[in-house]
Amino acid sequence: MPGPVKNLPIGEILIEQGFINKQQLEEALATQKKSSGKMLGDVMLEMGFVSESQLAQALSIRLKVPFVDLSSIKVDTNAVSKISEEVAREKCVFAFQYKNNRLFVATNDPVNFYIFEDLKVQTGMEIIPQISTKTQIEAAIGKFYSSQAIDSTMNELENEAEGGDLTEDLAKAESEGRVDNAPIVKLVNMMVETAFRNQVTDIHIEAFKDRTRIRFRMDGELVEQDMKIPPSFHNSIITRIKILGGMNIAERRIPLDGRFGTRIGGVNLDMRVSTIPCVYGEKCVIRLLSTADDKTRKITDLGMTDYNYEMFKQIIRCPNGVMLVTGPTGSGKSTTLYATLGELSQPNVNIVTVEDPVEKKIDGVNQCQINAKAGMTFAAALRSILRQDPDIIMVGEIRDGETADIAIRAAITGHFVLSTLHTNDAATTITRLVDMGVAPYMVASSLVGIIAQRLVKLLCKSCKETYTLSDPNDLKLMNKKEPVQICKPHAGGCKYCRGTGYAGRTAIHEIIVVTPDLKELISKDATAEEIGELARKNGTLLLRDNVTQMVLAGRTSIDELVKATYSV
């Protein structure tokens, strides 16, 4: 049995628990002195010495208040409903258990007695505070309140459906200005909010004979949602989304595009909508674009290895030339481009971008939106940008020979041009430019570097399992002859990875720095194989080399290696 806990300072407890060392504590104390009135715990969080969970556990010992891990406990939904969502968000509290008129409440500020006095008055119950992290509390609020709201909205929908045509009701509500209370509107709002809180990239709404299916793309995989929506509601849901996206609600025979924005939890969110007619009704996909409020991520946060980062730095040091980021749709090309712009953006540099659409707004960068109907195509915009005295130009995508030609010429005339191209590996990119009609000598003189990339899922640290890989075909993929110990996802996953066995994704990269000998080879109209072979001699690590290192380190599985790099 442990003895009574001494009333130790938070720093000492963190050292006792093995979360930090003495040197880190001294650094944090020195930083705290410089910052006006910041708590030591917050300083250590900012410096990356401790995680939110470690700090909460140390506070739990310091204040003798139990720590609760909201991601692993069974939450009582009756307890959740005792506190309204507005109050829970405002005070950052979450009720998770209810026993004998005692309400157990998670908080990240257990010393603030006023909060618990208010809750006692509002609920008429005794409040038992327990410590958790702000992130866990906010995630629990988003998850449990939205699922409750979806259930009640579904009941409302069923009641209204018995009473008549929902699309007519929606149009009537729209005209009377009471649209926010219409159940269909609430359902669409809940869907978008739930998707945002679960870090979903796309929402799929699909019509079938006996149901409407809702699927979310999470970590690159489509996951069906437990929302049983009868087919009679489908047209009303699509109509509501079309109204939001500024689309023609009467047109159901042709594909339509639109976009809209909303604000969730103080964050501005942009969405792109696409509908297409199918057998049982229109299919709709809503793409949730990374928000303008998110800070542009640094290149070092994108999973680039130290070796690849050094090669990347060689490319962006060039004052002029073309840098291309390649890969299939959804491989993180735009994120890499934005991170590169963040690295290059300086007060003395004029950066202009041409994008379709502008997915993320970056401070200090001039961003232009393509509008093909008005004649603002990539090629037309590029020509105009060259008269805007740019130092760095970012072209969202090279789609045709004309855009490729202008981008290459811009690089030759002294500009640094960044762009993306859809190719499978770095070497193929060069031959693709030649196929588009750009002369090989022009490609050779302008290209400075190519980054090919893919996204791979990471194994859940809590439940991954170790095993011996002995299948000769799999070993051949990893360039191994003897069986090796690697990791695989646990069947059925665990509470931390939502039963998938994977948690999060990272990028793998294949970087070619165009050296003088490579330029010479390109100008001779070499094949992709010849270019790839010379690049490897010059130090390029292939996508498969990078993902193999991750498999051997136990970070990802052999299935992900096959999915990301397999070719016949």
Protein backbone atom coordinates (compact mmCIF):
# COMPACT_ATOMS: atom_id res chain seq x y z
CA MET A 1 0.00 0.00 0.00
CA PRO A 2 1.45 3.43 -0.84
CA GLY A 3 1.86 5.85 2.05
CA PRO A 4 0.03 9.19 2.36
CA VAL A 5 0.83 11.54 -0.54
CA LYS A 6 2.95 14.52 0.45
CA ASN A 7 1.75 17.92 -0.75
CA LEU A 8 4.54 18.09 -3.33
CA PRO A 9 4.90 20.77 -6.02
CA ILE A 10 3.61 19.64 -9.45
CA GLY A 11 7.16 19.55 -10.90
CA GLU A 12 8.36 17.13 -8.20
CA ILE A 13 5.37 14.81 -8.80
CA LEU A 14 6.08 14.77 -12.57
CA ILE A 15 9.70 13.75 -11.80
CA GLU A 16 8.56 11.08 -9.27
CA GLN A 17 6.19 9.60 -11.87
CA GLY A 18 9.04 9.49 -14.43
CA PHE A 19 7.25 11.88 -16.84
CA ILE A 20 10.11 14.46 -16.88
CA ASN A 21 13.71 14.75 -15.65
CA LYS A 22 15.32 17.44 -13.45
CA GLN A 23 16.91 19.23 -16.41
CA GLN A 24 13.51 19.61 -18.11
CA LEU A 25 11.98 20.94 -14.87
CA GLU A 26 14.75 23.57 -14.58
CA GLU A 27 14.23 24.60 -18.23
CA ALA A 28 10.47 24.90 -17.67
CA LEU A 29 10.93 26.95 -14.48
CA ALA A 30 13.31 29.32 -16.32
CA THR A 31 10.75 29.72 -19.15
CA GLN A 32 7.94 30.26 -16.61
CA LYS A 33 9.85 33.18 -15.03
CA LYS A 34 10.02 34.92 -18.43
CA SER A 35 6.31 34.38 -19.18
CA SER A 36 3.92 36.52 -17.17
CA GLY A 37 1.68 34.49 -14.83
CA LYS A 38 1.62 31.20 -16.73
CA MET A 39 1.10 27.99 -14.73
CA LEU A 40 4.10 25.64 -14.70
CA GLY A 41 1.99 22.80 -16.10
CA ASP A 42 0.90 24.90 -19.09
CA VAL A 43 4.53 25.91 -19.75
CA MET A 44 5.61 22.24 -19.80
CA LEU A 45 2.71 21.38 -22.12
CA GLU A 46 3.77 24.11 -24.58
CA MET A 47 7.40 22.95 -24.42
CA GLY A 48 6.28 19.38 -25.21
CA PHE A 49 7.82 17.91 -22.01
CA VAL A 50 4.54 16.33 -20.85
CA SER A 51 1.27 15.25 -22.44
CA GLU A 52 -2.14 16.52 -21.28
CA SER A 53 -2.84 13.10 -19.78
CA GLN A 54 0.44 13.03 -17.79
CA LEU A 55 -0.21 16.53 -16.44
CA ALA A 56 -3.76 15.58 -15.41
CA GLN A 57 -2.46 12.45 -13.62
CA ALA A 58 0.12 14.54 -11.73
CA LEU A 59 -2.58 17.07 -10.76
CA SER A 60 -4.70 14.16 -9.56
CA ILE A 61 -1.93 13.15 -7.13
CA ARG A 62 -1.22 16.77 -6.11
CA LEU A 63 -4.87 17.66 -5.39
CA LYS A 64 -5.94 14.16 -4.24
CA VAL A 65 -8.75 14.16 -6.84
CA PRO A 66 -9.20 10.91 -8.86
CA PHE A 67 -8.14 10.88 -12.52
CA VAL A 68 -10.68 9.56 -15.06
CA ASP A 69 -9.85 8.37 -18.60
CA LEU A 70 -13.04 9.26 -20.53
CA SER A 71 -11.93 7.35 -23.63
CA SER A 72 -11.92 4.01 -21.76
CA ILE A 73 -14.88 4.14 -19.34
CA LYS A 74 -18.53 3.24 -19.96
CA VAL A 75 -20.46 6.51 -19.96
CA ASP A 76 -23.98 6.58 -18.47
CA THR A 77 -26.12 8.51 -21.01
CA ASN A 78 -28.62 9.39 -18.25
CA ALA A 79 -25.81 11.19 -16.41
CA VAL A 80 -24.84 13.09 -19.59
CA SER A 81 -28.37 14.50 -19.95
CA LYS A 82 -28.30 15.97 -16.40
CA ILE A 83 -26.12 18.85 -17.70
CA SER A 84 -27.09 20.76 -20.87
CA GLU A 85 -24.63 20.86 -23.78
CA GLU A 86 -24.29 24.69 -23.51
CA VAL A 87 -23.28 24.46 -19.82
CA ALA A 88 -20.95 21.49 -20.48
CA ARG A 89 -19.13 23.41 -23.25
CA GLU A 90 -19.05 26.72 -21.36
CA LYS A 91 -17.60 25.23 -18.14
CA CYS A 92 -15.63 22.39 -19.86
CA VAL A 93 -17.28 19.67 -17.74
CA PHE A 94 -18.75 16.26 -18.63
CA ALA A 95 -21.10 14.19 -16.43
CA PHE A 96 -20.31 10.50 -16.94
CA GLN A 97 -21.87 8.64 -13.98
CA TYR A 98 -24.93 8.97 -11.72
CA LYS A 99 -25.32 7.09 -8.40
CA ASN A 100 -27.52 7.78 -5.34
CA ASN A 101 -28.11 11.44 -6.26
CA ARG A 102 -24.35 11.90 -6.76
CA LEU A 103 -23.23 13.12 -10.18
CA PHE A 104 -19.66 12.27 -11.19
CA VAL A 105 -18.28 15.09 -13.36
CA ALA A 106 -15.00 15.23 -15.32
CA THR A 107 -13.25 18.62 -15.25
CA ASN A 108 -9.84 20.02 -16.15
CA ASP A 109 -10.08 22.66 -13.39
CA PRO A 110 -10.89 20.83 -10.12
CA VAL A 111 -9.90 23.82 -7.95
CA ASN A 112 -12.68 26.05 -9.35
CA PHE A 113 -15.38 25.48 -6.68
CA TYR A 114 -17.74 28.02 -8.29
CA ILE A 115 -18.30 25.66 -11.24
CA PHE A 116 -19.43 22.83 -8.94
CA GLU A 117 -21.63 25.11 -6.83
CA ASP A 118 -23.40 26.26 -10.04
CA LEU A 119 -23.84 22.65 -11.21
CA LYS A 120 -25.20 21.66 -7.76
CA VAL A 121 -27.85 24.42 -8.01
CA GLN A 122 -28.74 23.53 -11.65
CA THR A 123 -29.00 19.76 -11.12
CA GLY A 124 -30.03 19.53 -7.46
CA MET A 125 -27.41 16.80 -6.96
CA GLU A 126 -24.15 16.38 -5.11
CA ILE A 127 -21.29 16.94 -7.58
CA ILE A 128 -18.22 14.65 -7.37
CA PRO A 129 -15.43 16.23 -9.49
CA GLN A 130 -12.80 14.04 -11.17
CA ILE A 131 -9.81 15.20 -13.24
CA SER A 132 -9.56 14.61 -16.99
CA THR A 133 -7.87 16.40 -19.91
CA LYS A 134 -9.52 19.24 -21.82
CA THR A 135 -9.13 17.31 -25.10
CA GLN A 136 -10.90 14.22 -23.68
CA ILE A 137 -13.72 16.30 -22.17
CA GLU A 138 -14.33 18.19 -25.44
CA ALA A 139 -14.25 14.92 -27.44
CA ALA A 140 -16.76 13.30 -25.06
CA ILE A 141 -19.08 16.34 -25.24
CA GLY A 142 -18.95 16.29 -29.05
CA LYS A 143 -19.57 12.54 -29.24
CA PHE A 144 -22.32 11.98 -26.63
CA TYR A 145 -24.38 15.15 -27.04
CA SER A 146 -24.43 14.86 -30.84
CA SER A 147 -25.47 11.17 -30.74
CA GLN A 148 -28.31 12.05 -28.33
CA ALA A 149 -29.37 14.94 -30.57
CA ILE A 150 -29.30 12.70 -33.68
CA ASP A 151 -31.58 10.14 -31.95
CA SER A 152 -34.12 12.81 -30.95
CA THR A 153 -33.97 14.38 -34.44
CA MET A 154 -34.61 10.97 -36.04
CA ASN A 155 -37.73 10.57 -33.84
CA GLU A 156 -38.92 14.05 -34.90
CA LEU A 157 -38.34 13.11 -38.55
CA GLU A 158 -40.39 9.93 -38.24
CA ASN A 159 -43.27 11.85 -36.65
CA GLU A 160 -43.15 14.50 -39.40
CA ALA A 161 -42.88 11.88 -42.16
CA GLU A 162 -46.21 10.42 -41.06
CA GLY A 163 -47.73 13.86 -41.51
CA GLY A 164 -46.77 14.51 -45.17
CA ASP A 165 -44.03 15.55 -47.63
CA LEU A 166 -40.80 16.56 -45.88
CA THR A 167 -39.46 18.50 -48.88
CA GLU A 168 -42.62 20.64 -48.89
CA ASP A 169 -42.25 21.19 -45.12
CA LEU A 170 -38.62 22.23 -45.66
CA ALA A 171 -39.59 24.74 -48.39
CA LYS A 172 -42.36 26.10 -46.11
CA ALA A 173 -39.95 26.41 -43.15
CA GLU A 174 -37.45 28.16 -45.48
CA SER A 175 -40.06 30.73 -46.56
CA GLU A 176 -41.24 31.35 -42.97
CA GLY A 177 -37.69 31.90 -41.70
CA ARG A 178 -37.90 29.07 -39.10
CA VAL A 179 -35.55 26.77 -41.00
CA ASP A 180 -33.24 26.04 -38.03
CA ASN A 181 -36.02 24.14 -36.28
CA ALA A 182 -36.88 21.86 -39.23
CA PRO A 183 -35.80 18.26 -38.35
CA ILE A 184 -34.06 17.73 -41.73
CA VAL A 185 -31.96 20.87 -41.12
CA LYS A 186 -31.06 19.65 -37.64
CA LEU A 187 -30.09 16.22 -39.05
CA VAL A 188 -27.78 17.72 -41.71
CA ASN A 189 -26.20 20.05 -39.10
CA MET A 190 -25.64 17.12 -36.71
CA MET A 191 -24.12 15.03 -39.50
CA VAL A 192 -21.58 17.75 -40.39
CA GLU A 193 -20.79 18.45 -36.72
CA THR A 194 -20.26 14.76 -35.90
CA ALA A 195 -18.03 14.38 -38.97
CA PHE A 196 -15.95 17.43 -37.98
CA ARG A 197 -15.46 16.19 -34.40
CA ASN A 198 -14.35 12.75 -35.66
CA GLN A 199 -11.81 14.28 -38.10
CA VAL A 200 -13.70 12.96 -41.13
CA THR A 201 -12.56 14.07 -44.61
CA ASP A 202 -15.69 13.13 -46.63
CA ILE A 203 -19.37 12.45 -45.93
CA HIS A 204 -21.14 10.10 -48.40
CA ILE A 205 -24.96 10.17 -48.58
CA GLU A 206 -26.23 7.36 -50.83
CA ALA A 207 -29.73 6.26 -51.89
CA PHE A 208 -30.70 2.59 -52.08
CA LYS A 209 -34.00 0.77 -52.57
CA ASP A 210 -34.87 0.40 -48.87
CA ARG A 211 -32.60 2.91 -47.06
CA THR A 212 -30.32 5.92 -47.23
CA ARG A 213 -26.75 5.07 -46.25
CA ILE A 214 -24.40 7.56 -44.53
CA ARG A 215 -20.66 6.81 -44.62
CA PHE A 216 -17.71 8.81 -43.23
CA ARG A 217 -14.18 8.58 -44.63
CA MET A 218 -11.93 8.34 -41.56
CA ASP A 219 -8.16 7.73 -41.88
CA GLY A 220 -8.69 6.94 -45.56
CA GLU A 221 -11.35 4.23 -44.97
CA LEU A 222 -15.12 4.53 -45.46
CA VAL A 223 -17.00 3.71 -42.23
CA GLU A 224 -20.78 3.21 -42.30
CA GLN A 225 -22.63 5.24 -39.66
CA ASP A 226 -25.34 3.82 -37.44
CA MET A 227 -28.04 6.17 -38.77
CA LYS A 228 -31.08 4.28 -40.01
CA ILE A 229 -32.62 6.77 -42.44
CA PRO A 230 -35.67 5.61 -44.44
CA PRO A 231 -35.51 6.25 -48.23
CA SER A 232 -38.47 8.67 -48.02
CA PHE A 233 -36.18 11.20 -46.27
CA HIS A 234 -33.45 11.07 -48.93
CA ASN A 235 -34.68 13.83 -51.28
CA SER A 236 -35.26 16.22 -48.36
CA ILE A 237 -31.70 15.71 -47.07
CA ILE A 238 -30.25 16.34 -50.57
CA THR A 239 -32.51 19.40 -51.02
CA ARG A 240 -31.27 20.88 -47.72
CA ILE A 241 -27.61 20.33 -48.72
CA LYS A 242 -28.26 21.88 -52.15
CA ILE A 243 -29.81 24.97 -50.49
CA LEU A 244 -26.67 25.31 -48.32
CA GLY A 245 -24.37 24.83 -51.32
CA GLY A 246 -26.23 27.42 -53.47
CA MET A 247 -27.21 24.75 -56.01
CA ASN A 248 -30.33 24.36 -58.19
CA ILE A 249 -32.76 22.27 -56.06
CA ALA A 250 -35.05 21.60 -59.05
CA GLU A 251 -32.31 19.99 -61.18
CA ARG A 252 -31.93 16.27 -60.40
CA ARG A 253 -30.85 14.90 -63.79
CA ILE A 254 -27.25 16.15 -64.01
CA PRO A 255 -24.23 16.32 -61.64
CA LEU A 256 -24.02 19.58 -59.64
CA ASP A 257 -21.29 21.24 -57.56
CA GLY A 258 -21.47 23.74 -54.72
CA ARG A 259 -19.75 24.85 -51.55
CA PHE A 260 -20.68 26.33 -48.18
CA GLY A 261 -19.11 27.29 -44.87
CA THR A 262 -20.17 26.87 -41.25
CA ARG A 263 -18.80 27.48 -37.76
CA ILE A 264 -18.44 24.59 -35.29
CA GLY A 265 -17.01 25.04 -31.80
CA GLY A 266 -15.49 28.41 -32.72
CA VAL A 267 -13.77 26.99 -35.84
CA ASN A 268 -14.67 28.07 -39.40
CA LEU A 269 -15.17 25.06 -41.64
CA ASP A 270 -15.34 25.07 -45.48
CA MET A 271 -17.19 22.34 -47.34
CA ARG A 272 -17.35 21.32 -51.00
CA VAL A 273 -20.51 19.54 -52.22
CA SER A 274 -20.94 17.26 -55.25
CA THR A 275 -24.15 15.48 -56.31
CA ILE A 276 -24.63 12.89 -59.05
CA PRO A 277 -27.88 11.20 -60.19
CA CYS A 278 -28.06 7.44 -59.40
CA VAL A 279 -30.74 4.74 -59.82
CA TYR A 280 -32.59 5.37 -56.53
CA GLY A 281 -31.86 9.09 -56.16
CA GLU A 282 -28.94 11.49 -56.04
CA LYS A 283 -25.69 10.52 -54.34
CA CYS A 284 -24.07 13.41 -52.47
CA VAL A 285 -20.50 13.74 -51.21
CA ILE A 286 -19.48 16.56 -48.86
CA ARG A 287 -15.71 17.15 -48.65
CA LEU A 288 -14.67 18.80 -45.38
CA LEU A 289 -11.74 21.04 -46.26
CA SER A 290 -8.99 21.72 -43.74
CA THR A 291 -10.02 24.93 -42.03
CA ALA A 292 -8.44 28.32 -42.47
CA ASP A 293 -8.22 28.53 -38.65
CA ASP A 294 -5.83 25.57 -38.44
CA LYS A 295 -2.20 26.61 -38.32
CA THR A 296 -0.27 25.54 -41.43
CA ARG A 297 1.57 22.40 -40.44
CA LYS A 298 5.34 22.32 -40.56
CA ILE A 299 7.12 19.94 -42.96
CA THR A 300 8.70 18.22 -39.92
CA ASP A 301 5.17 17.38 -38.63
CA LEU A 302 4.27 15.46 -41.81
CA GLY A 303 6.26 12.30 -41.09
CA MET A 304 9.27 13.11 -43.29
CA THR A 305 12.35 11.20 -42.11
CA ASP A 306 15.52 13.15 -41.22
CA TYR A 307 17.21 11.73 -44.35
CA ASN A 308 14.36 12.86 -46.64
CA TYR A 309 14.10 16.23 -44.87
CA GLU A 310 17.73 16.97 -45.73
CA MET A 311 16.99 16.20 -49.42
CA PHE A 312 13.87 18.37 -49.25
CA LYS A 313 15.90 21.30 -47.87
CA GLN A 314 18.30 21.01 -50.83
CA ILE A 315 15.32 21.49 -53.19
CA ILE A 316 13.74 24.52 -51.48
CA ARG A 317 17.09 26.33 -51.22
CA CYS A 318 17.02 26.77 -55.01
CA PRO A 319 16.15 30.37 -55.99
CA ASN A 320 14.34 29.22 -59.14
CA GLY A 321 13.07 26.04 -60.76
CA VAL A 322 10.09 23.69 -60.50
CA MET A 323 9.34 21.49 -57.48
CA LEU A 324 6.59 18.91 -58.03
CA VAL A 325 4.64 16.94 -55.40
CA THR A 326 3.06 13.81 -56.89
CA GLY A 327 0.74 11.03 -55.79
CA PRO A 328 -2.87 9.83 -56.15
CA THR A 329 -5.93 11.75 -54.88
CA GLY A 330 -5.98 11.96 -51.09
CA SER A 331 -2.26 11.30 -50.57
CA GLY A 332 -1.62 14.61 -48.77
CA LYS A 333 -0.08 16.57 -51.69
CA SER A 334 -1.87 19.83 -50.83
CA THR A 335 -0.84 19.56 -47.16
CA THR A 336 2.81 19.16 -48.21
CA LEU A 337 2.55 22.15 -50.59
CA TYR A 338 1.00 24.36 -47.91
CA ALA A 339 3.67 23.29 -45.40
CA THR A 340 6.35 24.16 -47.99
CA LEU A 341 4.79 27.60 -48.53
CA GLY A 342 4.77 28.08 -44.75
CA GLU A 343 8.50 27.28 -44.75
CA LEU A 344 9.22 29.68 -47.67
CA SER A 345 6.94 32.56 -46.61
CA GLN A 346 9.00 35.62 -45.57
CA PRO A 347 8.13 39.35 -45.39
CA ASN A 348 10.54 40.07 -48.30
CA VAL A 349 9.10 37.35 -50.61
CA ASN A 350 6.06 37.72 -52.90
CA ILE A 351 4.18 34.39 -53.05
CA VAL A 352 1.19 34.02 -55.39
CA THR A 353 -0.91 30.84 -55.72
CA VAL A 354 -3.45 29.64 -58.30
CA GLU A 355 -5.76 27.00 -56.81
CA ASP A 356 -8.99 25.17 -57.54
CA PRO A 357 -10.35 25.53 -54.91
CA VAL A 358 -8.40 27.53 -52.30
CA GLU A 359 -8.49 24.86 -49.57
CA LYS A 360 -6.61 26.72 -46.85
CA LYS A 361 -6.04 30.43 -46.40
CA ILE A 362 -2.45 31.30 -45.48
CA ASP A 363 -1.53 34.63 -43.93
CA GLY A 364 0.92 36.62 -46.08
CA VAL A 365 0.26 34.61 -49.28
CA ASN A 366 -1.77 35.95 -52.24
CA GLN A 367 -4.18 33.16 -53.22
CA CYS A 368 -6.23 33.16 -56.45
CA GLN A 369 -9.32 31.03 -57.03
CA ILE A 370 -9.86 29.38 -60.44
CA ASN A 371 -13.16 30.22 -62.18
CA ALA A 372 -13.31 28.34 -65.50
CA LYS A 373 -16.76 29.76 -66.43
CA ALA A 374 -15.39 33.31 -66.26
CA GLY A 375 -12.26 32.34 -68.22
CA MET A 376 -9.99 32.23 -65.15
CA THR A 377 -8.26 28.93 -66.02
CA PHE A 378 -4.92 27.73 -64.64
CA ALA A 379 -3.13 28.82 -67.83
CA ALA A 380 -4.82 32.28 -67.96
CA ALA A 381 -4.19 32.92 -64.26
CA LEU A 382 -0.54 31.84 -64.59
CA ARG A 383 0.06 34.28 -67.46
CA SER A 384 -1.35 37.15 -65.38
CA ILE A 385 0.57 36.15 -62.26
CA LEU A 386 3.85 36.47 -64.13
CA ARG A 387 3.05 40.20 -64.45
CA GLN A 388 2.50 40.44 -60.66
CA ASP A 389 6.25 40.44 -59.86
CA PRO A 390 6.19 37.07 -58.00
CA ASP A 391 9.17 35.36 -56.37
CA ILE A 392 7.38 32.08 -55.70
CA ILE A 393 4.37 30.72 -57.62
CA MET A 394 2.21 27.81 -56.47
CA VAL A 395 0.01 26.15 -59.11
CA GLY A 396 -2.61 23.87 -57.54
CA GLU A 397 -2.30 21.22 -60.25
CA ILE A 398 -0.69 20.80 -63.68
CA ARG A 399 -3.61 19.37 -65.67
CA ASP A 400 -2.60 19.98 -69.29
CA GLY A 401 0.31 20.72 -71.60
CA GLU A 402 -0.42 24.47 -71.72
CA THR A 403 -0.23 24.87 -67.91
CA ALA A 404 2.90 22.67 -67.80
CA ASP A 405 4.57 24.76 -70.51
CA ILE A 406 3.86 28.10 -68.78
CA ALA A 407 4.99 26.74 -65.37
CA ILE A 408 8.27 25.44 -66.87
CA ARG A 409 8.88 28.77 -68.68
CA ALA A 410 8.18 30.70 -65.46
CA ALA A 411 10.87 28.63 -63.71
CA ILE A 412 13.37 29.22 -66.52
CA THR A 413 12.77 33.00 -66.28
CA GLY A 414 13.81 33.03 -62.61
CA HIS A 415 10.78 32.04 -60.52
CA PHE A 416 10.42 29.20 -58.01
CA VAL A 417 7.32 27.20 -59.01
CA LEU A 418 5.55 24.61 -56.82
CA SER A 419 2.86 22.32 -58.18
CA THR A 420 1.26 18.86 -58.06
CA LEU A 421 0.86 16.11 -60.65
CA HIS A 422 -0.97 12.76 -60.49
CA THR A 423 1.73 10.11 -61.06
CA ASN A 424 2.62 6.91 -59.21
CA ASP A 425 6.29 7.57 -58.46
CA ALA A 426 8.86 10.34 -58.73
CA ALA A 427 10.67 9.06 -61.87
CA THR A 428 7.43 8.70 -63.90
CA THR A 429 6.70 12.41 -63.30
CA ILE A 430 9.52 13.46 -65.62
CA THR A 431 8.32 11.30 -68.52
CA ARG A 432 4.72 12.51 -67.89
CA LEU A 433 5.83 16.14 -68.44
CA VAL A 434 7.50 15.12 -71.72
CA ASP A 435 4.31 13.25 -72.74
CA MET A 436 2.36 16.48 -72.08
CA GLY A 437 4.39 18.15 -74.79
CA VAL A 438 7.16 19.91 -72.83
CA ALA A 439 10.52 19.50 -74.58
CA PRO A 440 12.95 17.23 -72.61
CA TYR A 441 15.65 19.96 -72.55
CA MET A 442 13.10 22.40 -70.99
CA VAL A 443 12.20 19.86 -68.28
CA ALA A 444 15.91 19.21 -67.60
CA SER A 445 16.81 22.89 -67.26
CA SER A 446 13.86 23.82 -65.00
CA LEU A 447 13.16 20.85 -62.69
CA VAL A 448 14.90 20.98 -59.29
CA GLY A 449 13.10 18.27 -57.33
CA ILE A 450 10.21 15.81 -57.16
CA ILE A 451 8.47 14.50 -54.02
CA ALA A 452 6.25 11.42 -54.50
CA GLN A 453 4.15 10.55 -51.47
CA ARG A 454 1.48 8.25 -50.01
CA LEU A 455 -0.39 8.12 -46.71
CA VAL A 456 -0.11 4.98 -44.57
CA LYS A 457 -2.12 4.13 -41.47
CA LEU A 458 -0.25 3.74 -38.18
CA LEU A 459 -0.83 0.74 -35.91
CA CYS A 460 -2.61 1.46 -32.62
CA LYS A 461 0.08 1.58 -29.91
CA SER A 462 -2.32 0.15 -27.31
CA CYS A 463 -3.33 -3.10 -29.03
CA LYS A 464 -0.85 -3.95 -31.84
CA GLU A 465 0.48 -7.51 -31.76
CA THR A 466 3.96 -8.87 -32.57
CA TYR A 467 4.36 -11.90 -34.84
CA THR A 468 6.97 -13.55 -37.10
CA LEU A 469 6.61 -12.89 -40.83
CA SER A 470 7.61 -16.04 -42.70
CA ASP A 471 5.62 -15.91 -45.99
CA PRO A 472 8.30 -15.90 -48.78
CA ASN A 473 6.24 -13.52 -50.99
CA ASP A 474 5.84 -10.97 -48.19
CA LEU A 475 9.51 -11.28 -47.23
CA LYS A 476 10.43 -10.67 -50.88
CA LEU A 477 8.36 -7.43 -50.82
CA MET A 478 10.49 -6.26 -47.88
CA ASN A 479 13.73 -7.43 -49.53
CA LYS A 480 14.33 -9.99 -46.75
CA LYS A 481 15.34 -13.65 -47.03
CA GLU A 482 14.99 -14.75 -43.38
CA PRO A 483 11.76 -14.52 -41.26
CA VAL A 484 11.49 -11.22 -39.32
CA GLN A 485 9.55 -10.01 -36.25
CA ILE A 486 6.99 -7.33 -37.16
CA CYS A 487 3.65 -6.04 -35.81
CA LYS A 488 0.05 -6.44 -37.00
CA PRO A 489 -3.28 -4.87 -35.91
CA HIS A 490 -5.17 -6.69 -33.16
CA ALA A 491 -8.34 -8.32 -34.56
CA GLY A 492 -11.26 -6.14 -33.40
CA GLY A 493 -8.95 -3.34 -32.21
CA CYS A 494 -9.56 -1.64 -28.86
CA LYS A 495 -11.33 1.40 -27.36
CA TYR A 496 -8.51 3.76 -28.37
CA CYS A 497 -8.65 2.91 -32.10
CA ARG A 498 -12.47 2.53 -32.39
CA GLY A 499 -12.04 -1.20 -33.07
CA THR A 500 -9.96 -0.72 -36.24
CA GLY A 501 -6.47 -1.65 -34.99
CA TYR A 502 -5.07 1.57 -36.52
CA ALA A 503 -4.80 5.09 -35.07
CA GLY A 504 -3.81 8.03 -37.29
CA ARG A 505 -1.86 8.26 -40.55
CA THR A 506 1.52 9.55 -41.65
CA ALA A 507 3.08 10.30 -45.03
CA ILE A 508 5.89 8.35 -46.70
CA HIS A 509 8.04 10.14 -49.27
CA GLU A 510 10.27 9.39 -52.26
CA ILE A 511 12.41 12.41 -53.11
CA ILE A 512 14.48 12.98 -56.27
CA VAL A 513 16.89 15.91 -56.24
CA VAL A 514 17.62 16.76 -59.90
CA THR A 515 21.42 16.77 -59.99
CA PRO A 516 23.52 17.77 -63.08
CA ASP A 517 24.00 14.12 -64.20
CA LEU A 518 20.23 13.57 -63.92
CA LYS A 519 19.55 16.75 -65.95
CA GLU A 520 21.83 15.36 -68.69
CA LEU A 521 19.90 12.06 -68.70
CA ILE A 522 16.50 13.83 -68.86
CA SER A 523 17.57 16.01 -71.81
CA LYS A 524 18.43 12.76 -73.70
CA ASP A 525 14.74 11.72 -73.33
CA ALA A 526 15.55 8.79 -71.01
CA THR A 527 12.92 6.29 -69.79
CA ALA A 528 11.45 6.39 -66.26
CA GLU A 529 13.42 3.21 -65.37
CA GLU A 530 16.77 4.81 -66.36
CA ILE A 531 15.92 8.00 -64.43
CA GLY A 532 14.83 5.96 -61.37
CA GLU A 533 18.02 3.88 -61.42
CA LEU A 534 20.30 6.95 -61.48
CA ALA A 535 18.20 8.66 -58.76
CA ARG A 536 18.66 5.61 -56.51
CA LYS A 537 22.42 5.73 -57.08
CA ASN A 538 22.28 9.41 -56.07
CA GLY A 539 20.61 8.50 -52.76
CA THR A 540 16.84 8.48 -53.41
CA LEU A 541 15.01 6.11 -51.05
CA LEU A 542 11.95 4.59 -52.75
CA LEU A 543 8.47 4.67 -51.20
CA ARG A 544 8.82 0.95 -50.51
CA ASP A 545 12.19 1.47 -48.73
CA ASN A 546 10.57 4.08 -46.46
CA VAL A 547 7.49 2.01 -45.61
CA THR A 548 9.63 -1.13 -45.09
CA GLN A 549 11.60 0.74 -42.40
CA MET A 550 8.27 1.63 -40.73
CA VAL A 551 7.05 -2.02 -40.85
CA LEU A 552 10.34 -3.25 -39.28
CA ALA A 553 10.03 -0.56 -36.59
CA GLY A 554 6.50 -1.79 -35.75
CA ARG A 555 4.80 1.47 -36.77
CA THR A 556 2.65 0.07 -39.58
CA SER A 557 1.62 -3.32 -41.02
CA ILE A 558 2.60 -5.35 -44.09
CA ASP A 559 -0.98 -4.79 -45.42
CA GLU A 560 -0.33 -1.04 -45.50
CA LEU A 561 2.99 -1.63 -47.31
CA VAL A 562 1.15 -3.61 -50.00
CA LYS A 563 -1.67 -1.03 -50.26
CA ALA A 564 0.75 1.90 -50.58
CA THR A 565 3.44 0.49 -52.88
CA TYR A 566 2.36 -2.75 -54.56
CA SER A 567 2.63 -2.87 -58.35
CA VAL A 568 2.44 -5.75 -60.82
